[in-house]
Amino acid sequence: MASPPKWNTYAGAVMLLGFAQFLLLMVLSEALYPGYSPANNYISDLGVGSTAYLFNASAVLLGITAIAGAYFLYMGRNGKTYPVLQALVGIGAMGVGILPETTGMLHIASAGIAFGVGGIAAIYSSRLQGKSPLRYYSIVFGLIALGMLVLAGMGITFAIGKGGIERMIFYPIIIWGIAFSGYLLSSR
């Protein structure tokens, strides 16, 4: 990578915080939400019940850290395209937390931005990863997320339900985000 290591380190640190805290607090919210089913409930259902404050605050924090990471990557001369993509993911994540699913289309648009641009960002990030094997995983995770987003949009959920297909969009993005954060933390 051509950028100064300190900016990538800052980006990796803040992004890892955002991705990891969101994943952990999402799982905690699922455990605390009465009658919640990962197969039958959307992830965003966690933002309107007894876990609303926890889930929504976590989504907003994810958005803030994604935007901060985008800033650090931009400062580290990682081009303009990827930082813009990441900032859009952050805006989408913040929208999910600020605009719960009870807001209808505003929430759906926010989630669509987070999921759709998240898959694109994963693919595009491969350009920042030099000869690292992670670049191939980034492409695969991004393609899985985008493919599952298309299937979900068509109403195809297979036997895993609406919540399951949504997780097949989300989990590749979050796994990629944690892996890419680690890559940035270790870049020299």
N, C-alpha and C. Protein backbone atom coordinates (compact mmCIF):
# COMPACT_ATOMS: atom_id res chain seq x y z
N MET A 1 0.85 -1.18 0.00
CA MET A 1 0.00 0.00 0.00
C MET A 1 0.89 1.24 0.00
N ALA A 2 0.52 2.25 -0.74
CA ALA A 2 1.36 3.43 -0.91
C ALA A 2 1.16 4.48 0.17
N SER A 3 0.12 4.36 0.96
CA SER A 3 -0.18 5.42 1.90
C SER A 3 0.64 5.30 3.18
N PRO A 4 0.82 6.41 3.88
CA PRO A 4 1.56 6.37 5.13
C PRO A 4 0.88 5.43 6.13
N PRO A 5 1.66 4.56 6.78
CA PRO A 5 1.07 3.56 7.67
C PRO A 5 0.21 4.12 8.79
N LYS A 6 0.53 5.29 9.32
CA LYS A 6 -0.25 5.79 10.46
C LYS A 6 -1.71 6.01 10.08
N TRP A 7 -1.99 6.49 8.89
CA TRP A 7 -3.38 6.73 8.49
C TRP A 7 -4.13 5.41 8.33
N ASN A 8 -3.47 4.41 7.75
CA ASN A 8 -4.10 3.11 7.61
C ASN A 8 -4.33 2.48 8.98
N THR A 9 -3.38 2.67 9.89
CA THR A 9 -3.53 2.14 11.24
C THR A 9 -4.71 2.79 11.93
N TYR A 10 -4.84 4.09 11.82
CA TYR A 10 -5.99 4.79 12.42
C TYR A 10 -7.29 4.27 11.81
N ALA A 11 -7.31 4.13 10.48
CA ALA A 11 -8.51 3.65 9.80
C ALA A 11 -8.86 2.24 10.29
N GLY A 12 -7.88 1.36 10.32
CA GLY A 12 -8.11 -0.01 10.76
C GLY A 12 -8.61 -0.08 12.19
N ALA A 13 -8.04 0.74 13.06
CA ALA A 13 -8.43 0.71 14.47
C ALA A 13 -9.88 1.16 14.65
N VAL A 14 -10.24 2.25 14.02
CA VAL A 14 -11.60 2.77 14.20
C VAL A 14 -12.62 1.87 13.50
N MET A 15 -12.25 1.33 12.35
CA MET A 15 -13.17 0.45 11.64
C MET A 15 -13.38 -0.86 12.40
N LEU A 16 -12.31 -1.42 12.95
CA LEU A 16 -12.45 -2.65 13.73
C LEU A 16 -13.37 -2.43 14.92
N LEU A 17 -13.21 -1.32 15.59
CA LEU A 17 -14.10 -0.98 16.70
C LEU A 17 -15.56 -0.98 16.23
N GLY A 18 -15.83 -0.32 15.12
CA GLY A 18 -17.20 -0.22 14.63
C GLY A 18 -17.79 -1.55 14.22
N PHE A 19 -17.07 -2.31 13.41
CA PHE A 19 -17.60 -3.59 12.95
C PHE A 19 -17.78 -4.57 14.10
N ALA A 20 -16.76 -4.66 14.97
CA ALA A 20 -16.82 -5.64 16.07
C ALA A 20 -17.92 -5.30 17.06
N GLN A 21 -18.02 -4.04 17.46
CA GLN A 21 -19.05 -3.69 18.44
C GLN A 21 -20.44 -3.93 17.86
N PHE A 22 -20.62 -3.65 16.57
CA PHE A 22 -21.95 -3.86 16.00
C PHE A 22 -22.31 -5.35 15.98
N LEU A 23 -21.38 -6.18 15.56
CA LEU A 23 -21.66 -7.62 15.52
C LEU A 23 -21.97 -8.14 16.93
N LEU A 24 -21.17 -7.77 17.90
CA LEU A 24 -21.39 -8.26 19.27
C LEU A 24 -22.70 -7.74 19.86
N LEU A 25 -23.00 -6.47 19.65
CA LEU A 25 -24.24 -5.92 20.21
C LEU A 25 -25.48 -6.39 19.44
N MET A 26 -25.31 -6.75 18.17
CA MET A 26 -26.42 -7.34 17.45
C MET A 26 -26.76 -8.71 18.04
N VAL A 27 -25.74 -9.52 18.28
CA VAL A 27 -25.96 -10.84 18.88
C VAL A 27 -26.56 -10.70 20.28
N LEU A 28 -26.07 -9.75 21.05
CA LEU A 28 -26.63 -9.50 22.39
C LEU A 28 -28.09 -9.07 22.28
N SER A 29 -28.39 -8.21 21.34
CA SER A 29 -29.78 -7.76 21.14
C SER A 29 -30.67 -8.93 20.75
N GLU A 30 -30.18 -9.81 19.89
CA GLU A 30 -30.97 -10.99 19.51
C GLU A 30 -31.29 -11.86 20.73
N ALA A 31 -30.32 -11.99 21.63
CA ALA A 31 -30.53 -12.82 22.82
C ALA A 31 -31.51 -12.16 23.79
N LEU A 32 -31.51 -10.84 23.83
CA LEU A 32 -32.37 -10.12 24.78
C LEU A 32 -33.79 -9.87 24.26
N TYR A 33 -33.97 -9.91 22.96
CA TYR A 33 -35.26 -9.58 22.35
C TYR A 33 -36.21 -10.77 22.53
N PRO A 34 -37.33 -10.58 23.20
CA PRO A 34 -38.25 -11.70 23.45
C PRO A 34 -38.80 -12.32 22.16
N GLY A 35 -38.62 -13.63 22.02
CA GLY A 35 -39.17 -14.36 20.89
C GLY A 35 -38.50 -14.10 19.56
N TYR A 36 -37.33 -13.52 19.57
CA TYR A 36 -36.64 -13.18 18.33
C TYR A 36 -36.16 -14.43 17.61
N SER A 37 -36.33 -14.48 16.30
CA SER A 37 -35.88 -15.60 15.48
C SER A 37 -35.00 -15.08 14.35
N PRO A 38 -33.73 -15.48 14.31
CA PRO A 38 -32.86 -15.05 13.21
C PRO A 38 -33.38 -15.47 11.84
N ALA A 39 -34.20 -16.50 11.77
CA ALA A 39 -34.77 -16.93 10.49
C ALA A 39 -35.98 -16.10 10.12
N ASN A 40 -36.80 -15.75 11.09
CA ASN A 40 -38.08 -15.12 10.79
C ASN A 40 -38.13 -13.62 11.04
N ASN A 41 -37.13 -13.06 11.69
CA ASN A 41 -37.10 -11.63 11.97
C ASN A 41 -35.97 -10.97 11.20
N TYR A 42 -36.25 -9.77 10.70
CA TYR A 42 -35.19 -8.97 10.10
C TYR A 42 -34.23 -8.50 11.20
N ILE A 43 -33.01 -8.19 10.81
CA ILE A 43 -32.05 -7.64 11.76
C ILE A 43 -32.60 -6.35 12.36
N SER A 44 -33.22 -5.53 11.54
CA SER A 44 -33.72 -4.23 12.00
C SER A 44 -34.90 -4.33 12.95
N ASP A 45 -35.51 -5.51 13.09
CA ASP A 45 -36.55 -5.67 14.11
C ASP A 45 -35.97 -5.38 15.49
N LEU A 46 -34.66 -5.57 15.63
CA LEU A 46 -33.99 -5.31 16.91
C LEU A 46 -34.00 -3.82 17.26
N GLY A 47 -34.27 -2.97 16.28
CA GLY A 47 -34.26 -1.53 16.49
C GLY A 47 -35.60 -0.94 16.88
N VAL A 48 -36.62 -1.78 17.14
CA VAL A 48 -37.94 -1.24 17.47
C VAL A 48 -38.56 -1.84 18.72
N GLY A 49 -37.91 -2.74 19.37
CA GLY A 49 -38.49 -3.35 20.56
C GLY A 49 -37.71 -2.98 21.81
N SER A 50 -37.63 -3.95 22.68
CA SER A 50 -36.96 -3.73 23.96
C SER A 50 -35.45 -3.51 23.78
N THR A 51 -34.92 -3.84 22.63
CA THR A 51 -33.48 -3.66 22.38
C THR A 51 -33.19 -2.44 21.49
N ALA A 52 -34.19 -1.61 21.28
CA ALA A 52 -34.05 -0.50 20.34
C ALA A 52 -32.87 0.42 20.67
N TYR A 53 -32.74 0.83 21.92
CA TYR A 53 -31.65 1.76 22.26
C TYR A 53 -30.29 1.14 22.01
N LEU A 54 -30.12 -0.11 22.41
CA LEU A 54 -28.85 -0.80 22.23
C LEU A 54 -28.52 -0.97 20.75
N PHE A 55 -29.47 -1.50 19.99
CA PHE A 55 -29.23 -1.77 18.58
C PHE A 55 -29.03 -0.48 17.78
N ASN A 56 -29.90 0.49 17.98
CA ASN A 56 -29.82 1.72 17.19
C ASN A 56 -28.56 2.52 17.51
N ALA A 57 -28.17 2.57 18.78
CA ALA A 57 -26.93 3.26 19.15
C ALA A 57 -25.73 2.55 18.51
N SER A 58 -25.77 1.23 18.48
CA SER A 58 -24.69 0.46 17.88
C SER A 58 -24.60 0.71 16.38
N ALA A 59 -25.75 0.80 15.70
CA ALA A 59 -25.76 1.08 14.26
C ALA A 59 -25.21 2.48 13.98
N VAL A 60 -25.58 3.45 14.80
CA VAL A 60 -25.06 4.81 14.62
C VAL A 60 -23.55 4.83 14.84
N LEU A 61 -23.07 4.12 15.87
CA LEU A 61 -21.63 4.06 16.13
C LEU A 61 -20.91 3.39 14.96
N LEU A 62 -21.50 2.34 14.40
CA LEU A 62 -20.91 1.71 13.21
C LEU A 62 -20.78 2.73 12.09
N GLY A 63 -21.82 3.52 11.88
CA GLY A 63 -21.77 4.54 10.84
C GLY A 63 -20.70 5.59 11.09
N ILE A 64 -20.60 6.04 12.32
CA ILE A 64 -19.59 7.05 12.67
C ILE A 64 -18.19 6.52 12.45
N THR A 65 -17.94 5.28 12.88
CA THR A 65 -16.60 4.71 12.72
C THR A 65 -16.28 4.44 11.26
N ALA A 66 -17.28 4.07 10.47
CA ALA A 66 -17.04 3.87 9.03
C ALA A 66 -16.66 5.19 8.37
N ILE A 67 -17.35 6.26 8.74
CA ILE A 67 -17.04 7.57 8.17
C ILE A 67 -15.67 8.04 8.63
N ALA A 68 -15.35 7.83 9.90
CA ALA A 68 -14.02 8.20 10.40
C ALA A 68 -12.94 7.41 9.68
N GLY A 69 -13.18 6.11 9.48
CA GLY A 69 -12.22 5.29 8.74
C GLY A 69 -12.05 5.78 7.32
N ALA A 70 -13.14 6.19 6.69
CA ALA A 70 -13.07 6.74 5.33
C ALA A 70 -12.20 7.99 5.31
N TYR A 71 -12.37 8.83 6.31
CA TYR A 71 -11.55 10.05 6.40
C TYR A 71 -10.06 9.70 6.52
N PHE A 72 -9.74 8.76 7.41
CA PHE A 72 -8.34 8.38 7.60
C PHE A 72 -7.76 7.76 6.33
N LEU A 73 -8.55 6.95 5.64
CA LEU A 73 -8.06 6.36 4.39
C LEU A 73 -7.84 7.43 3.33
N TYR A 74 -8.72 8.41 3.28
CA TYR A 74 -8.54 9.51 2.34
C TYR A 74 -7.26 10.29 2.67
N MET A 75 -7.05 10.56 3.95
CA MET A 75 -5.84 11.28 4.37
C MET A 75 -4.59 10.47 4.07
N GLY A 76 -4.72 9.16 4.06
CA GLY A 76 -3.58 8.29 3.76
C GLY A 76 -3.35 8.08 2.28
N ARG A 77 -4.00 8.90 1.47
CA ARG A 77 -3.83 8.85 0.02
C ARG A 77 -4.21 7.50 -0.57
N ASN A 78 -5.35 6.99 -0.15
CA ASN A 78 -5.89 5.75 -0.71
C ASN A 78 -6.89 6.05 -1.82
N GLY A 79 -6.71 7.17 -2.48
CA GLY A 79 -7.61 7.56 -3.55
C GLY A 79 -8.89 8.18 -3.00
N LYS A 80 -9.81 8.45 -3.88
CA LYS A 80 -11.08 9.05 -3.48
C LYS A 80 -12.23 8.06 -3.53
N THR A 81 -12.18 7.13 -4.46
CA THR A 81 -13.33 6.25 -4.68
C THR A 81 -13.64 5.40 -3.46
N TYR A 82 -12.64 4.68 -2.95
CA TYR A 82 -12.94 3.81 -1.82
C TYR A 82 -13.39 4.60 -0.59
N PRO A 83 -12.72 5.67 -0.20
CA PRO A 83 -13.23 6.42 0.96
C PRO A 83 -14.67 6.92 0.78
N VAL A 84 -15.04 7.30 -0.43
CA VAL A 84 -16.43 7.72 -0.67
C VAL A 84 -17.38 6.54 -0.48
N LEU A 85 -17.02 5.38 -1.02
CA LEU A 85 -17.85 4.19 -0.83
C LEU A 85 -18.03 3.88 0.66
N GLN A 86 -16.92 3.92 1.38
CA GLN A 86 -17.01 3.61 2.81
C GLN A 86 -17.83 4.65 3.56
N ALA A 87 -17.69 5.90 3.21
CA ALA A 87 -18.49 6.94 3.85
C ALA A 87 -19.98 6.71 3.57
N LEU A 88 -20.32 6.27 2.37
CA LEU A 88 -21.72 5.97 2.05
C LEU A 88 -22.23 4.80 2.89
N VAL A 89 -21.40 3.79 3.09
CA VAL A 89 -21.78 2.68 3.97
C VAL A 89 -22.06 3.22 5.37
N GLY A 90 -21.21 4.11 5.83
CA GLY A 90 -21.40 4.71 7.15
C GLY A 90 -22.69 5.50 7.24
N ILE A 91 -22.99 6.24 6.20
CA ILE A 91 -24.25 7.02 6.17
C ILE A 91 -25.44 6.06 6.21
N GLY A 92 -25.36 4.98 5.44
CA GLY A 92 -26.42 3.99 5.46
C GLY A 92 -26.60 3.36 6.83
N ALA A 93 -25.50 3.00 7.47
CA ALA A 93 -25.57 2.41 8.82
C ALA A 93 -26.15 3.38 9.82
N MET A 94 -25.73 4.63 9.75
CA MET A 94 -26.30 5.63 10.66
C MET A 94 -27.79 5.79 10.41
N GLY A 95 -28.18 5.76 9.14
CA GLY A 95 -29.60 5.85 8.81
C GLY A 95 -30.40 4.71 9.40
N VAL A 96 -29.84 3.51 9.40
CA VAL A 96 -30.52 2.36 9.99
C VAL A 96 -30.78 2.60 11.48
N GLY A 97 -29.81 3.20 12.16
CA GLY A 97 -29.96 3.46 13.59
C GLY A 97 -30.85 4.65 13.90
N ILE A 98 -30.79 5.67 13.08
CA ILE A 98 -31.58 6.89 13.33
C ILE A 98 -33.01 6.74 12.83
N LEU A 99 -33.17 5.98 11.76
CA LEU A 99 -34.49 5.79 11.13
C LEU A 99 -34.90 4.33 11.26
N PRO A 100 -35.47 3.92 12.39
CA PRO A 100 -35.83 2.50 12.55
C PRO A 100 -36.86 2.07 11.51
N GLU A 101 -37.08 0.77 11.43
CA GLU A 101 -37.94 0.24 10.37
C GLU A 101 -39.36 0.78 10.40
N THR A 102 -39.77 1.38 11.50
CA THR A 102 -41.10 2.00 11.57
C THR A 102 -41.20 3.23 10.68
N THR A 103 -40.05 3.73 10.17
CA THR A 103 -40.07 4.89 9.27
C THR A 103 -40.27 4.48 7.82
N GLY A 104 -40.41 3.18 7.58
CA GLY A 104 -40.73 2.70 6.23
C GLY A 104 -39.61 2.86 5.22
N MET A 105 -39.90 3.57 4.14
CA MET A 105 -38.97 3.68 3.02
C MET A 105 -37.65 4.36 3.39
N LEU A 106 -37.67 5.26 4.35
CA LEU A 106 -36.41 5.89 4.77
C LEU A 106 -35.46 4.84 5.34
N HIS A 107 -36.01 3.95 6.15
CA HIS A 107 -35.20 2.88 6.73
C HIS A 107 -34.74 1.92 5.63
N ILE A 108 -35.64 1.53 4.76
CA ILE A 108 -35.30 0.60 3.68
C ILE A 108 -34.20 1.18 2.79
N ALA A 109 -34.28 2.46 2.49
CA ALA A 109 -33.24 3.11 1.69
C ALA A 109 -31.91 3.10 2.42
N SER A 110 -31.93 3.39 3.72
CA SER A 110 -30.69 3.37 4.51
C SER A 110 -30.07 1.99 4.52
N ALA A 111 -30.88 0.97 4.77
CA ALA A 111 -30.37 -0.41 4.78
C ALA A 111 -29.87 -0.80 3.39
N GLY A 112 -30.58 -0.39 2.35
CA GLY A 112 -30.16 -0.68 1.00
C GLY A 112 -28.81 -0.07 0.67
N ILE A 113 -28.59 1.15 1.13
CA ILE A 113 -27.29 1.81 0.92
C ILE A 113 -26.21 1.04 1.68
N ALA A 114 -26.47 0.73 2.95
CA ALA A 114 -25.47 0.02 3.75
C ALA A 114 -25.13 -1.34 3.13
N PHE A 115 -26.15 -2.09 2.73
CA PHE A 115 -25.92 -3.43 2.18
C PHE A 115 -25.34 -3.37 0.77
N GLY A 116 -25.96 -2.59 -0.11
CA GLY A 116 -25.52 -2.53 -1.50
C GLY A 116 -24.14 -1.94 -1.65
N VAL A 117 -23.94 -0.77 -1.06
CA VAL A 117 -22.63 -0.13 -1.16
C VAL A 117 -21.60 -0.92 -0.35
N GLY A 118 -22.05 -1.59 0.72
CA GLY A 118 -21.13 -2.43 1.48
C GLY A 118 -20.53 -3.53 0.63
N GLY A 119 -21.36 -4.19 -0.18
CA GLY A 119 -20.85 -5.22 -1.08
C GLY A 119 -19.90 -4.65 -2.12
N ILE A 120 -20.25 -3.49 -2.66
CA ILE A 120 -19.39 -2.83 -3.65
C ILE A 120 -18.08 -2.40 -3.00
N ALA A 121 -18.14 -1.86 -1.79
CA ALA A 121 -16.93 -1.43 -1.08
C ALA A 121 -16.00 -2.62 -0.82
N ALA A 122 -16.58 -3.76 -0.45
CA ALA A 122 -15.75 -4.95 -0.22
C ALA A 122 -14.99 -5.30 -1.49
N ILE A 123 -15.69 -5.31 -2.61
CA ILE A 123 -15.04 -5.64 -3.89
C ILE A 123 -13.98 -4.61 -4.23
N TYR A 124 -14.34 -3.34 -4.13
CA TYR A 124 -13.40 -2.28 -4.51
C TYR A 124 -12.17 -2.22 -3.60
N SER A 125 -12.35 -2.62 -2.33
CA SER A 125 -11.22 -2.57 -1.39
C SER A 125 -10.08 -3.47 -1.84
N SER A 126 -10.38 -4.46 -2.68
CA SER A 126 -9.32 -5.35 -3.17
C SER A 126 -8.23 -4.56 -3.88
N ARG A 127 -8.58 -3.41 -4.41
CA ARG A 127 -7.59 -2.57 -5.11
C ARG A 127 -6.60 -1.92 -4.15
N LEU A 128 -6.96 -1.88 -2.88
CA LEU A 128 -6.08 -1.27 -1.87
C LEU A 128 -5.20 -2.30 -1.17
N GLN A 129 -5.36 -3.57 -1.51
CA GLN A 129 -4.75 -4.63 -0.73
C GLN A 129 -3.50 -5.24 -1.35
N GLY A 130 -2.96 -4.60 -2.37
CA GLY A 130 -1.73 -5.08 -2.96
C GLY A 130 -1.81 -6.54 -3.35
N LYS A 131 -0.81 -7.31 -2.92
CA LYS A 131 -0.76 -8.73 -3.27
C LYS A 131 -1.30 -9.62 -2.16
N SER A 132 -1.96 -9.03 -1.19
CA SER A 132 -2.51 -9.80 -0.08
C SER A 132 -3.57 -10.78 -0.56
N PRO A 133 -3.56 -12.00 -0.05
CA PRO A 133 -4.64 -12.94 -0.38
C PRO A 133 -6.02 -12.42 0.01
N LEU A 134 -6.09 -11.49 0.95
CA LEU A 134 -7.37 -10.92 1.36
C LEU A 134 -8.10 -10.28 0.19
N ARG A 135 -7.36 -9.82 -0.81
CA ARG A 135 -8.03 -9.16 -1.94
C ARG A 135 -9.02 -10.09 -2.62
N TYR A 136 -8.70 -11.38 -2.68
CA TYR A 136 -9.62 -12.35 -3.29
C TYR A 136 -10.84 -12.60 -2.40
N TYR A 137 -10.60 -12.71 -1.11
CA TYR A 137 -11.71 -12.87 -0.17
C TYR A 137 -12.64 -11.66 -0.21
N SER A 138 -12.05 -10.48 -0.34
CA SER A 138 -12.86 -9.26 -0.40
C SER A 138 -13.81 -9.30 -1.58
N ILE A 139 -13.32 -9.74 -2.71
CA ILE A 139 -14.16 -9.85 -3.90
C ILE A 139 -15.26 -10.88 -3.68
N VAL A 140 -14.89 -12.03 -3.14
CA VAL A 140 -15.88 -13.10 -2.91
C VAL A 140 -16.95 -12.64 -1.92
N PHE A 141 -16.53 -12.05 -0.79
CA PHE A 141 -17.51 -11.58 0.20
C PHE A 141 -18.43 -10.52 -0.40
N GLY A 142 -17.87 -9.61 -1.18
CA GLY A 142 -18.70 -8.59 -1.81
C GLY A 142 -19.69 -9.18 -2.79
N LEU A 143 -19.24 -10.15 -3.59
CA LEU A 143 -20.14 -10.79 -4.56
C LEU A 143 -21.24 -11.59 -3.87
N ILE A 144 -20.90 -12.27 -2.79
CA ILE A 144 -21.93 -13.01 -2.03
C ILE A 144 -22.97 -12.03 -1.51
N ALA A 145 -22.52 -10.94 -0.89
CA ALA A 145 -23.45 -9.96 -0.32
C ALA A 145 -24.37 -9.39 -1.41
N LEU A 146 -23.80 -9.02 -2.53
CA LEU A 146 -24.60 -8.45 -3.62
C LEU A 146 -25.55 -9.48 -4.22
N GLY A 147 -25.07 -10.70 -4.38
CA GLY A 147 -25.92 -11.75 -4.92
C GLY A 147 -27.11 -12.04 -4.00
N MET A 148 -26.85 -12.10 -2.71
CA MET A 148 -27.92 -12.35 -1.75
C MET A 148 -28.89 -11.17 -1.69
N LEU A 149 -28.36 -9.95 -1.88
CA LEU A 149 -29.22 -8.77 -1.91
C LEU A 149 -30.19 -8.85 -3.10
N VAL A 150 -29.70 -9.28 -4.24
CA VAL A 150 -30.56 -9.44 -5.41
C VAL A 150 -31.63 -10.50 -5.13
N LEU A 151 -31.22 -11.65 -4.59
CA LEU A 151 -32.19 -12.71 -4.28
C LEU A 151 -33.24 -12.23 -3.28
N ALA A 152 -32.79 -11.53 -2.23
CA ALA A 152 -33.73 -11.01 -1.23
C ALA A 152 -34.70 -10.02 -1.89
N GLY A 153 -34.18 -9.18 -2.77
CA GLY A 153 -35.05 -8.24 -3.47
C GLY A 153 -36.09 -8.91 -4.35
N MET A 154 -35.78 -10.11 -4.79
CA MET A 154 -36.72 -10.89 -5.60
C MET A 154 -37.66 -11.73 -4.73
N GLY A 155 -37.46 -11.65 -3.42
CA GLY A 155 -38.31 -12.41 -2.51
C GLY A 155 -37.88 -13.86 -2.35
N ILE A 156 -36.69 -14.20 -2.81
CA ILE A 156 -36.20 -15.57 -2.70
C ILE A 156 -35.44 -15.70 -1.38
N THR A 157 -35.94 -16.55 -0.52
CA THR A 157 -35.30 -16.73 0.79
C THR A 157 -34.86 -18.16 1.05
N PHE A 158 -35.13 -19.06 0.10
CA PHE A 158 -34.82 -20.48 0.27
C PHE A 158 -35.48 -20.97 1.55
N ALA A 159 -34.84 -21.84 2.29
CA ALA A 159 -35.43 -22.37 3.52
C ALA A 159 -34.95 -21.61 4.75
N ILE A 160 -34.21 -20.52 4.55
CA ILE A 160 -33.62 -19.83 5.70
C ILE A 160 -34.44 -18.62 6.14
N GLY A 161 -35.51 -18.33 5.48
CA GLY A 161 -36.40 -17.25 5.89
C GLY A 161 -35.86 -15.87 5.56
N LYS A 162 -36.70 -14.87 5.79
CA LYS A 162 -36.33 -13.49 5.47
C LYS A 162 -35.16 -13.00 6.33
N GLY A 163 -35.13 -13.42 7.58
CA GLY A 163 -34.01 -13.05 8.44
C GLY A 163 -32.73 -13.75 8.05
N GLY A 164 -32.85 -14.98 7.63
CA GLY A 164 -31.68 -15.74 7.21
C GLY A 164 -31.05 -15.19 5.95
N ILE A 165 -31.88 -14.84 4.97
CA ILE A 165 -31.33 -14.29 3.72
C ILE A 165 -30.71 -12.92 3.98
N GLU A 166 -31.31 -12.14 4.88
CA GLU A 166 -30.72 -10.84 5.22
C GLU A 166 -29.35 -11.03 5.86
N ARG A 167 -29.20 -12.04 6.68
CA ARG A 167 -27.91 -12.31 7.30
C ARG A 167 -26.88 -12.78 6.27
N MET A 168 -27.35 -13.41 5.19
CA MET A 168 -26.44 -13.81 4.13
C MET A 168 -25.96 -12.61 3.31
N ILE A 169 -26.62 -11.49 3.47
CA ILE A 169 -26.15 -10.22 2.91
C ILE A 169 -25.19 -9.58 3.90
N PHE A 170 -25.62 -9.53 5.16
CA PHE A 170 -24.90 -8.79 6.20
C PHE A 170 -23.61 -9.46 6.64
N TYR A 171 -23.64 -10.77 6.92
CA TYR A 171 -22.46 -11.43 7.47
C TYR A 171 -21.23 -11.36 6.56
N PRO A 172 -21.35 -11.55 5.25
CA PRO A 172 -20.15 -11.38 4.42
C PRO A 172 -19.55 -9.97 4.52
N ILE A 173 -20.41 -8.97 4.64
CA ILE A 173 -19.91 -7.60 4.76
C ILE A 173 -19.20 -7.40 6.10
N ILE A 174 -19.78 -7.90 7.18
CA ILE A 174 -19.18 -7.70 8.49
C ILE A 174 -17.88 -8.51 8.62
N ILE A 175 -17.86 -9.73 8.07
CA ILE A 175 -16.64 -10.54 8.10
C ILE A 175 -15.55 -9.85 7.30
N TRP A 176 -15.91 -9.38 6.10
CA TRP A 176 -14.93 -8.65 5.30
C TRP A 176 -14.44 -7.41 6.04
N GLY A 177 -15.37 -6.66 6.67
CA GLY A 177 -14.99 -5.44 7.36
C GLY A 177 -14.00 -5.69 8.48
N ILE A 178 -14.21 -6.75 9.23
CA ILE A 178 -13.27 -7.09 10.32
C ILE A 178 -11.92 -7.51 9.73
N ALA A 179 -11.95 -8.33 8.68
CA ALA A 179 -10.70 -8.77 8.06
C ALA A 179 -9.94 -7.59 7.44
N PHE A 180 -10.64 -6.72 6.73
CA PHE A 180 -10.00 -5.56 6.11
C PHE A 180 -9.44 -4.62 7.17
N SER A 181 -10.15 -4.46 8.28
CA SER A 181 -9.66 -3.65 9.39
C SER A 181 -8.34 -4.20 9.91
N GLY A 182 -8.28 -5.51 10.07
CA GLY A 182 -7.03 -6.15 10.52
C GLY A 182 -5.91 -5.94 9.52
N TYR A 183 -6.24 -6.04 8.24
CA TYR A 183 -5.24 -5.78 7.20
C TYR A 183 -4.69 -4.37 7.33
N LEU A 184 -5.59 -3.41 7.50
CA LEU A 184 -5.15 -2.01 7.62
C LEU A 184 -4.31 -1.81 8.87
N LEU A 185 -4.69 -2.46 9.96
CA LEU A 185 -3.91 -2.33 11.20
C LEU A 185 -2.49 -2.86 11.03
N SER A 186 -2.33 -3.88 10.21
CA SER A 186 -1.02 -4.50 10.07
C SER A 186 -0.22 -3.99 8.87
N SER A 187 -0.81 -3.08 8.09
CA SER A 187 -0.11 -2.62 6.87
C SER A 187 1.10 -1.77 7.24
N ARG A 188 2.11 -1.91 6.45
CA ARG A 188 3.35 -1.17 6.67
C ARG A 188 3.60 -0.23 5.52
